């Protein structure tokens, strides 16, 4: 089992920045693809970004490309999402997720992720 805890959410004005952190514990997560997803108000969960176990491969949803950066520090069992130029449409609960098997790729498919955090709220005011 892998336990995931997100932090770093909050209220920010449009154009501002936030950095989300996902801390993993339990069974090692360093070999697993990890990702960030979000659930906007009244909508379903959607893919944001993903990173391979080595950190060398990343994938982003089109609307966040160039604004968000996903990274990980396997020694610290931590994943990050740096968000710049935030927009009101980025408002959502953000979740980190981890697969439970080795894969060298990033992935936007939420159904391939076995472990999920509880989420952290990001609110962007206009």
Foldseek 3Di string as FASTA:
>chain_A
DKAKAKDWADEEAAQAKIKMKIAIDDDQQLQWKKAKWWAAPPGDIFGAKIAGSVRPEMDGDVVQPPFWDWGDDSVRRMIMIIGGRDDQVVWTWMKMFIADDGDRYIDRDPVRTDYIYPTDTHGYHD
